[in-house]
Amino acid sequence: MRYATWIDDAWSDPDPADSLSKWQRVFGDRFRAPKREEAALARAAEASLPIRYRDTQQRLTDLGIVTRVEPRYRFRITGKVLRKGSMGAYYLKNRGNRVLRNRRIRFEVAECNVPEPYRILWKVLNRGPLSMEKDSIRGQIEEGGRVWRIEESTDFAGPHYVECYIVKDGVCVATDRQEVIII
């Protein structure tokens, strides 16, 4: 069932680079767009953007990590919007992954049956016009060691996501993504 969700997500993503990254999650790092098509798409995307920003997004391949998702491993992260004043806490998935600005979200590993030892890596990617205008796309992959949770603030309206990777012996064997729509 998870693969079907990944395929739908990759198919429907309008951003060519993000879509390619999602297809690589399904098929592995060897899945590539044709070089000439990639360059043309990148030029067209850049020309259509009125806002200039630094693309700071990293991919596992940038770190020399190959992805071979092992179906035998179950791995899942959750995002929980934390309580703020009279506004209660809730899980993102229970409210369509939507959250108001100026809240905090705790992302944590909810399920992982990958045998130790392994490393946990986290990636937070901001998308949308305000993130680009403020030059705060982020997208760097950060070492989590054995950290099973991170907290993030909801500063910029728009679609965003948090990904978590389990890396064992230099290979990403499990990954999950939590979409976040900040309104």
Protein backbone atom coordinates (compact mmCIF):
# COMPACT_ATOMS: atom_id res chain seq x y z
CA MET A 1 0.00 0.00 0.00
CA ARG A 2 2.86 2.40 0.82
CA TYR A 3 4.33 1.98 -2.69
CA ALA A 4 1.00 2.94 -4.26
CA THR A 5 1.02 6.15 -2.21
CA TRP A 6 4.61 6.89 -3.27
CA ILE A 7 3.72 6.32 -6.94
CA ASP A 8 0.66 8.60 -6.73
CA ASP A 9 2.78 11.23 -5.01
CA ALA A 10 5.52 11.04 -7.68
CA TRP A 11 3.02 11.11 -10.55
CA SER A 12 1.11 14.13 -9.25
CA ASP A 13 4.09 16.33 -8.22
CA PRO A 14 4.34 19.25 -10.67
CA ASP A 15 7.98 20.01 -9.77
CA PRO A 16 10.28 17.90 -12.01
CA ALA A 17 13.12 17.65 -9.46
CA ASP A 18 10.77 16.64 -6.63
CA SER A 19 8.96 14.20 -8.90
CA LEU A 20 12.27 12.59 -9.93
CA SER A 21 13.27 12.27 -6.28
CA LYS A 22 9.95 10.56 -5.52
CA TRP A 23 10.33 8.16 -8.45
CA GLN A 24 13.81 7.32 -7.13
CA ARG A 25 12.20 6.39 -3.85
CA VAL A 26 10.11 3.86 -5.77
CA PHE A 27 12.70 2.55 -8.25
CA GLY A 28 16.05 3.35 -6.57
CA ASP A 29 18.83 5.81 -7.35
CA ARG A 30 19.50 4.41 -10.82
CA PHE A 31 16.19 5.88 -12.01
CA ARG A 32 17.14 9.08 -13.85
CA ALA A 33 15.51 11.58 -16.16
CA PRO A 34 17.18 11.94 -19.56
CA LYS A 35 19.98 14.52 -19.27
CA ARG A 36 18.82 16.84 -22.04
CA GLU A 37 15.25 16.80 -20.70
CA GLU A 38 16.49 17.56 -17.16
CA ALA A 39 18.44 20.59 -18.35
CA ALA A 40 15.53 21.92 -20.41
CA LEU A 41 13.10 21.49 -17.52
CA ALA A 42 15.47 23.20 -15.10
CA ARG A 43 15.93 26.18 -17.45
CA ALA A 44 12.17 26.46 -18.01
CA ALA A 45 11.46 26.28 -14.28
CA GLU A 46 14.09 28.89 -13.46
CA ALA A 47 12.84 31.24 -16.18
CA SER A 48 9.26 31.02 -14.91
CA LEU A 49 10.16 31.92 -11.33
CA PRO A 50 9.90 35.60 -10.46
CA ILE A 51 11.75 35.00 -7.18
CA ARG A 52 15.43 34.04 -6.97
CA TYR A 53 16.43 31.70 -4.17
CA ARG A 54 19.19 29.26 -3.33
CA ASP A 55 18.26 25.64 -3.96
CA THR A 56 19.71 24.10 -0.80
CA GLN A 57 17.88 20.79 -1.13
CA GLN A 58 20.07 17.72 -0.72
CA ARG A 59 19.42 14.20 -1.85
CA LEU A 60 20.84 11.03 -0.36
CA THR A 61 22.96 10.55 -3.47
CA ASP A 62 24.64 13.90 -2.72
CA LEU A 63 25.92 12.25 0.46
CA GLY A 64 27.03 9.09 -1.33
CA ILE A 65 24.12 7.08 0.11
CA VAL A 66 22.28 4.70 -2.20
CA THR A 67 18.64 3.82 -1.60
CA ARG A 68 17.50 0.22 -1.55
CA VAL A 69 14.27 0.19 0.41
CA GLU A 70 13.79 -3.21 2.01
CA PRO A 71 10.09 -4.20 1.99
CA ARG A 72 10.61 -6.41 5.05
CA TYR A 73 11.30 -3.33 7.18
CA ARG A 74 8.41 -1.37 8.61
CA PHE A 75 9.22 2.27 9.22
CA ARG A 76 6.84 5.15 9.88
CA ILE A 77 7.08 8.70 11.18
CA THR A 78 4.28 10.83 12.57
CA GLY A 79 3.83 14.56 12.95
CA LYS A 80 2.04 15.88 16.02
CA VAL A 81 1.07 19.54 16.29
CA LEU A 82 1.86 20.60 19.85
CA ARG A 83 -0.53 22.37 22.19
CA LYS A 84 -0.45 26.18 22.11
CA GLY A 85 -2.58 28.06 24.60
CA SER A 86 -6.17 26.90 24.23
CA MET A 87 -5.42 25.19 20.90
CA GLY A 88 -5.03 21.48 21.55
CA ALA A 89 -2.48 19.01 20.22
CA TYR A 90 -3.35 16.73 17.29
CA TYR A 91 -1.75 14.41 14.75
CA LEU A 92 -1.35 15.97 11.31
CA LYS A 93 -2.83 12.95 9.51
CA ASN A 94 -6.07 13.39 11.50
CA ARG A 95 -6.57 16.88 10.04
CA GLY A 96 -5.53 16.42 6.43
CA ASN A 97 -1.87 17.30 7.20
CA ARG A 98 -2.96 20.92 7.77
CA VAL A 99 -1.70 23.25 10.47
CA LEU A 100 -1.85 26.98 11.15
CA ARG A 101 1.23 29.20 11.07
CA ASN A 102 3.14 29.87 14.30
CA ARG A 103 2.70 26.40 15.76
CA ARG A 104 5.26 23.71 16.60
CA ILE A 105 5.22 20.17 15.26
CA ARG A 106 7.01 17.19 16.76
CA PHE A 107 8.02 14.58 14.20
CA GLU A 108 8.99 11.22 15.58
CA VAL A 109 9.67 7.68 14.56
CA ALA A 110 6.46 5.81 15.36
CA GLU A 111 7.51 2.41 14.05
CA CYS A 112 10.86 0.89 13.08
CA ASN A 113 11.77 -2.78 12.89
CA VAL A 114 15.17 -2.28 11.25
CA PRO A 115 17.76 -4.15 13.34
CA GLU A 116 20.47 -2.02 14.92
CA PRO A 117 22.96 -0.56 14.25
CA TYR A 118 21.70 2.14 11.91
CA ARG A 119 21.71 5.93 11.50
CA ILE A 120 18.69 8.21 11.36
CA LEU A 121 18.75 11.14 8.94
CA TRP A 122 16.15 13.92 8.78
CA LYS A 123 15.22 16.33 5.99
CA VAL A 124 12.87 19.32 6.23
CA LEU A 125 11.89 20.94 2.93
CA ASN A 126 9.96 24.20 2.75
CA ARG A 127 8.10 24.89 -0.49
CA GLY A 128 5.92 27.72 -1.64
CA PRO A 129 6.35 31.38 -2.59
CA LEU A 130 7.03 32.75 0.90
CA SER A 131 9.74 30.16 1.57
CA MET A 132 11.38 31.10 -1.71
CA GLU A 133 10.99 34.83 -1.10
CA LYS A 134 12.63 34.48 2.32
CA ASP A 135 15.30 32.18 0.78
CA SER A 136 14.46 29.52 3.32
CA ILE A 137 13.84 26.40 1.25
CA ARG A 138 16.16 24.33 3.47
CA GLY A 139 16.12 20.68 2.40
CA GLN A 140 19.47 19.75 3.90
CA ILE A 141 19.76 16.18 5.17
CA GLU A 142 20.86 16.28 8.78
CA GLU A 143 22.41 13.57 10.87
CA GLY A 144 20.10 12.42 13.61
CA GLY A 145 22.29 9.61 14.98
CA ARG A 146 19.82 7.78 17.17
CA VAL A 147 17.50 10.80 17.58
CA TRP A 148 13.97 9.53 17.11
CA ARG A 149 12.32 12.96 17.09
CA ILE A 150 12.74 16.52 15.93
CA GLU A 151 10.64 19.66 16.41
CA GLU A 152 9.92 22.28 13.77
CA SER A 153 8.03 25.57 13.68
CA THR A 154 5.38 26.43 11.11
CA ASP A 155 6.69 29.75 9.80
CA PHE A 156 5.77 29.75 6.09
CA ALA A 157 2.39 29.03 4.54
CA GLY A 158 2.41 26.45 1.78
CA PRO A 159 3.16 22.78 1.16
CA HIS A 160 6.18 21.35 2.97
CA TYR A 161 7.42 17.95 4.08
CA VAL A 162 9.66 16.16 6.53
CA GLU A 163 11.44 12.97 5.50
CA CYS A 164 13.27 10.52 7.68
CA TYR A 165 15.74 7.91 6.46
CA ILE A 166 17.17 4.81 8.09
CA VAL A 167 20.71 4.16 6.85
CA LYS A 168 22.29 0.79 7.57
CA ASP A 169 25.81 -0.03 6.37
CA GLY A 170 25.81 3.05 4.13
CA VAL A 171 22.51 2.15 2.40
CA CYS A 172 19.11 3.74 2.97
CA VAL A 173 16.90 0.73 3.73
CA ALA A 174 13.77 2.55 4.95
CA THR A 175 12.25 5.98 4.48
CA ASP A 176 9.04 7.79 5.26
CA ARG A 177 7.60 11.23 4.60
CA GLN A 178 5.12 13.42 6.45
CA GLU A 179 3.47 16.04 4.28
CA VAL A 180 2.69 19.36 6.00
CA ILE A 181 0.33 22.01 4.64
CA ILE A 182 0.71 25.27 6.55
CA ILE A 183 -2.29 27.59 6.20
